[in-house]
Amino acid sequence: MKSPSASTCARQGSVTSDVREPRLGACEDLLHPGGRVRQLMLSTLTWSDIEWLRSVTRLKIVLKGIAHPEDARLAEAHGVDALIVSNHGGRQLDSMPAAIELLPPIVSVIAGHMPVLLDGGIRRGTDILKALALGATAIAVGRPVLWGLASYGEDGVRRVLTTLRAELSRAITLCGCQVLGDLDASLLGLPAGVASC
């Protein structure tokens, strides 16, 4: 049996009555109250769950989806080892700010106590430079890697990462910097220690 088409998935949850419920592995309407994704999104996770996780593992705990400085403070207080600032591709909350806009206040609150990564919006080496200049410890590359994989397989992924690295290196040089540690918000026309974009 074939999976439902994109147009079928787009109609699920609407007034169209001839559309069947998706089966496992098929697309899912996030508005459907009994859907798997919706159950995860509306789960009852609390900060005590992070404390429990910390009590049962010695592995590093990296929390993704931090979008507010107060959540960054709470994550640190509950034993998280690193944060990933992310708006989940803007798919979870309409009109949520870009991850790069969320980054400076979170970096300011964390003040070097743990790594802060940026996830989202990385398309060019200059995007990496901006994230690092605003205080990110590192970045995550999602869609470009998938585009490379879909286009040219493993070689496509290699080409994407090689291109990003070369663009970052060129951008650092053009900014007059010698090493990543030389980057700060002043390179973006913002005062050093900027609190927001």
Protein backbone atom coordinates (compact mmCIF):
# COMPACT_ATOMS: atom_id res chain seq x y z
CA MET A 1 0.00 0.00 0.00
CA LYS A 2 1.36 3.40 -0.97
CA SER A 3 1.74 6.24 1.53
CA PRO A 4 -0.74 9.09 1.15
CA SER A 5 0.24 11.83 -1.27
CA ALA A 6 1.29 15.28 -0.09
CA SER A 7 -2.08 16.68 -1.12
CA THR A 8 -3.84 13.99 0.93
CA CYS A 9 -1.69 14.82 3.95
CA ALA A 10 -2.44 18.50 3.55
CA ARG A 11 -6.17 17.78 3.76
CA GLN A 12 -6.04 15.65 6.92
CA GLY A 13 -7.79 17.32 9.80
CA SER A 14 -9.86 19.44 7.43
CA VAL A 15 -13.53 19.10 6.62
CA THR A 16 -12.69 16.62 3.87
CA SER A 17 -14.32 13.41 5.02
CA ASP A 18 -12.89 11.03 2.45
CA VAL A 19 -9.35 11.18 3.84
CA ARG A 20 -8.30 8.23 5.97
CA GLU A 21 -6.19 8.47 9.12
CA PRO A 22 -2.47 8.11 8.42
CA ARG A 23 -0.92 4.79 9.29
CA LEU A 24 2.49 4.32 10.92
CA GLY A 25 5.18 5.68 8.66
CA ALA A 26 2.80 7.98 6.81
CA CYS A 27 2.67 11.75 7.17
CA GLU A 28 0.79 13.17 10.13
CA ASP A 29 -1.30 16.26 10.66
CA LEU A 30 0.11 18.07 13.70
CA LEU A 31 -3.36 19.35 14.57
CA HIS A 32 -4.81 15.85 14.99
CA PRO A 33 -5.38 15.46 18.77
CA GLY A 34 -4.40 11.77 18.85
CA GLY A 35 -1.33 12.02 16.63
CA ARG A 36 2.08 10.74 17.72
CA VAL A 37 3.86 14.04 17.04
CA ARG A 38 1.22 16.04 18.91
CA GLN A 39 1.53 13.71 21.91
CA LEU A 40 5.28 14.35 21.99
CA MET A 41 4.81 18.10 21.65
CA LEU A 42 2.27 18.22 24.47
CA SER A 43 4.12 15.83 26.73
CA THR A 44 4.47 16.42 30.43
CA LEU A 45 8.24 16.80 30.48
CA THR A 46 9.49 18.99 33.31
CA TRP A 47 12.85 20.09 34.63
CA SER A 48 12.70 17.21 37.11
CA ASP A 49 12.88 14.85 34.12
CA ILE A 50 16.25 16.41 33.25
CA GLU A 51 17.37 15.87 36.84
CA TRP A 52 16.25 12.23 36.61
CA LEU A 53 18.12 11.79 33.32
CA ARG A 54 21.23 13.28 34.93
CA SER A 55 20.89 10.76 37.81
CA VAL A 56 20.85 7.73 35.49
CA THR A 57 23.59 8.61 33.02
CA ARG A 58 27.12 9.89 32.91
CA LEU A 59 26.68 10.89 29.27
CA LYS A 60 26.58 14.55 28.32
CA ILE A 61 23.08 15.99 28.18
CA VAL A 62 22.53 18.45 25.36
CA LEU A 63 19.19 20.25 25.36
CA LYS A 64 17.87 21.42 21.99
CA GLY A 65 15.20 24.04 21.46
CA ILE A 66 16.27 26.64 23.98
CA ALA A 67 14.72 29.93 22.89
CA HIS A 68 14.65 32.07 26.05
CA PRO A 69 17.40 33.14 28.48
CA GLU A 70 15.41 31.94 31.50
CA ASP A 71 15.26 28.43 30.03
CA ALA A 72 19.02 28.59 29.57
CA ARG A 73 19.43 29.46 33.27
CA LEU A 74 17.12 26.62 34.27
CA ALA A 75 18.94 24.16 32.00
CA GLU A 76 22.25 25.05 33.63
CA ALA A 77 20.73 24.74 37.11
CA HIS A 78 19.38 21.28 36.26
CA GLY A 79 22.68 19.83 35.10
CA VAL A 80 22.51 20.20 31.32
CA ASP A 81 25.96 20.10 29.71
CA ALA A 82 25.27 22.09 26.53
CA LEU A 83 22.47 23.99 24.82
CA ILE A 84 21.29 24.13 21.25
CA VAL A 85 19.50 27.37 20.45
CA SER A 86 16.86 26.44 17.90
CA ASN A 87 13.43 27.43 16.69
CA HIS A 88 13.07 23.97 15.10
CA GLY A 89 13.08 25.43 11.61
CA GLY A 90 10.23 27.77 12.48
CA ARG A 91 7.79 24.89 12.15
CA GLN A 92 6.58 24.71 15.74
CA LEU A 93 5.44 28.26 16.46
CA ASP A 94 4.33 30.64 13.74
CA SER A 95 6.36 33.87 13.59
CA MET A 96 8.96 32.71 16.10
CA PRO A 97 12.22 34.68 15.78
CA ALA A 98 15.11 33.19 13.84
CA ALA A 99 17.55 31.18 15.94
CA ILE A 100 20.30 33.76 15.35
CA GLU A 101 18.05 36.41 16.93
CA LEU A 102 17.54 34.20 19.98
CA LEU A 103 21.26 33.53 20.41
CA PRO A 104 22.79 36.72 21.97
CA PRO A 105 20.61 36.92 25.11
CA ILE A 106 21.15 33.21 25.79
CA VAL A 107 24.90 33.49 25.31
CA SER A 108 24.89 36.47 27.66
CA VAL A 109 23.09 34.51 30.40
CA ILE A 110 25.30 31.42 30.05
CA ALA A 111 28.47 33.54 30.12
CA GLY A 112 30.77 30.73 29.02
CA HIS A 113 29.58 28.19 31.63
CA MET A 114 28.63 25.66 28.95
CA PRO A 115 28.74 25.31 25.15
CA VAL A 116 25.94 27.05 23.26
CA LEU A 117 25.33 25.81 19.73
CA LEU A 118 23.18 27.42 17.06
CA ASP A 119 20.84 25.30 14.97
CA GLY A 120 19.06 26.82 12.03
CA GLY A 121 19.62 29.22 9.18
CA ILE A 122 23.14 28.10 8.30
CA ARG A 123 23.41 28.26 4.52
CA ARG A 124 26.79 29.97 3.94
CA GLY A 125 30.12 30.40 5.67
CA THR A 126 29.14 33.96 6.55
CA ASP A 127 26.18 32.56 8.51
CA ILE A 128 28.65 30.54 10.58
CA LEU A 129 30.81 33.64 11.08
CA LYS A 130 27.79 35.61 12.35
CA ALA A 131 26.80 32.86 14.79
CA LEU A 132 30.33 32.57 16.16
CA ALA A 133 30.67 36.36 16.38
CA LEU A 134 27.46 36.45 18.44
CA GLY A 135 28.89 33.92 20.86
CA ALA A 136 27.91 30.47 19.60
CA THR A 137 30.44 27.79 20.51
CA ALA A 138 29.57 25.84 17.36
CA ILE A 139 26.80 25.47 14.81
CA ALA A 140 24.63 22.64 13.54
CA VAL A 141 24.07 22.21 9.83
CA GLY A 142 20.83 20.48 8.90
CA ARG A 143 19.13 21.15 5.60
CA PRO A 144 22.22 21.88 3.46
CA VAL A 145 23.69 18.51 4.46
CA LEU A 146 20.42 16.79 3.56
CA TRP A 147 20.31 18.63 0.24
CA GLY A 148 23.85 17.47 -0.50
CA LEU A 149 22.99 13.90 0.48
CA ALA A 150 19.86 13.90 -1.68
CA SER A 151 21.71 15.34 -4.66
CA TYR A 152 25.03 13.51 -4.65
CA GLY A 153 25.05 11.07 -1.74
CA GLU A 154 28.07 10.96 0.54
CA ASP A 155 30.08 13.08 -1.89
CA GLY A 156 27.35 15.74 -1.76
CA VAL A 157 27.60 15.93 2.03
CA ARG A 158 31.37 16.25 1.76
CA ARG A 159 31.00 19.02 -0.84
CA VAL A 160 28.55 20.97 1.33
CA LEU A 161 30.79 20.79 4.41
CA THR A 162 33.93 21.59 2.40
CA THR A 163 32.21 24.61 0.83
CA LEU A 164 30.99 25.90 4.21
CA ARG A 165 34.47 25.52 5.67
CA ALA A 166 36.11 27.34 2.75
CA GLU A 167 33.52 30.14 2.89
CA LEU A 168 34.04 30.53 6.65
CA SER A 169 37.81 30.65 6.23
CA ARG A 170 37.51 33.30 3.50
CA ALA A 171 35.04 35.35 5.57
CA ILE A 172 37.32 35.28 8.62
CA THR A 173 40.21 36.50 6.49
CA LEU A 174 38.13 39.24 4.86
CA CYS A 175 37.12 40.45 8.35
CA GLY A 176 40.79 40.83 9.22
CA CYS A 177 40.73 38.05 11.79
CA GLN A 178 43.37 35.38 12.14
CA VAL A 179 41.55 32.86 14.36
CA LEU A 180 37.97 32.14 15.41
CA GLY A 181 38.68 33.64 18.83
CA ASP A 182 39.07 37.06 17.18
CA LEU A 183 35.39 37.11 16.20
CA ASP A 184 32.95 39.25 18.19
CA ALA A 185 29.74 41.18 17.63
CA SER A 186 31.63 44.33 16.62
CA LEU A 187 32.38 42.63 13.28
CA LEU A 188 28.65 42.74 12.59
CA GLY A 189 28.36 46.44 13.41
CA LEU A 190 27.08 45.58 16.88
CA PRO A 191 28.76 46.54 20.15
CA ALA A 192 30.80 43.78 21.80
CA GLY A 193 28.73 42.01 24.44
CA VAL A 194 25.52 42.82 22.56
CA ALA A 195 22.41 41.59 24.35
CA SER A 196 20.23 41.17 21.27
CA CYS A 197 20.37 41.23 17.50
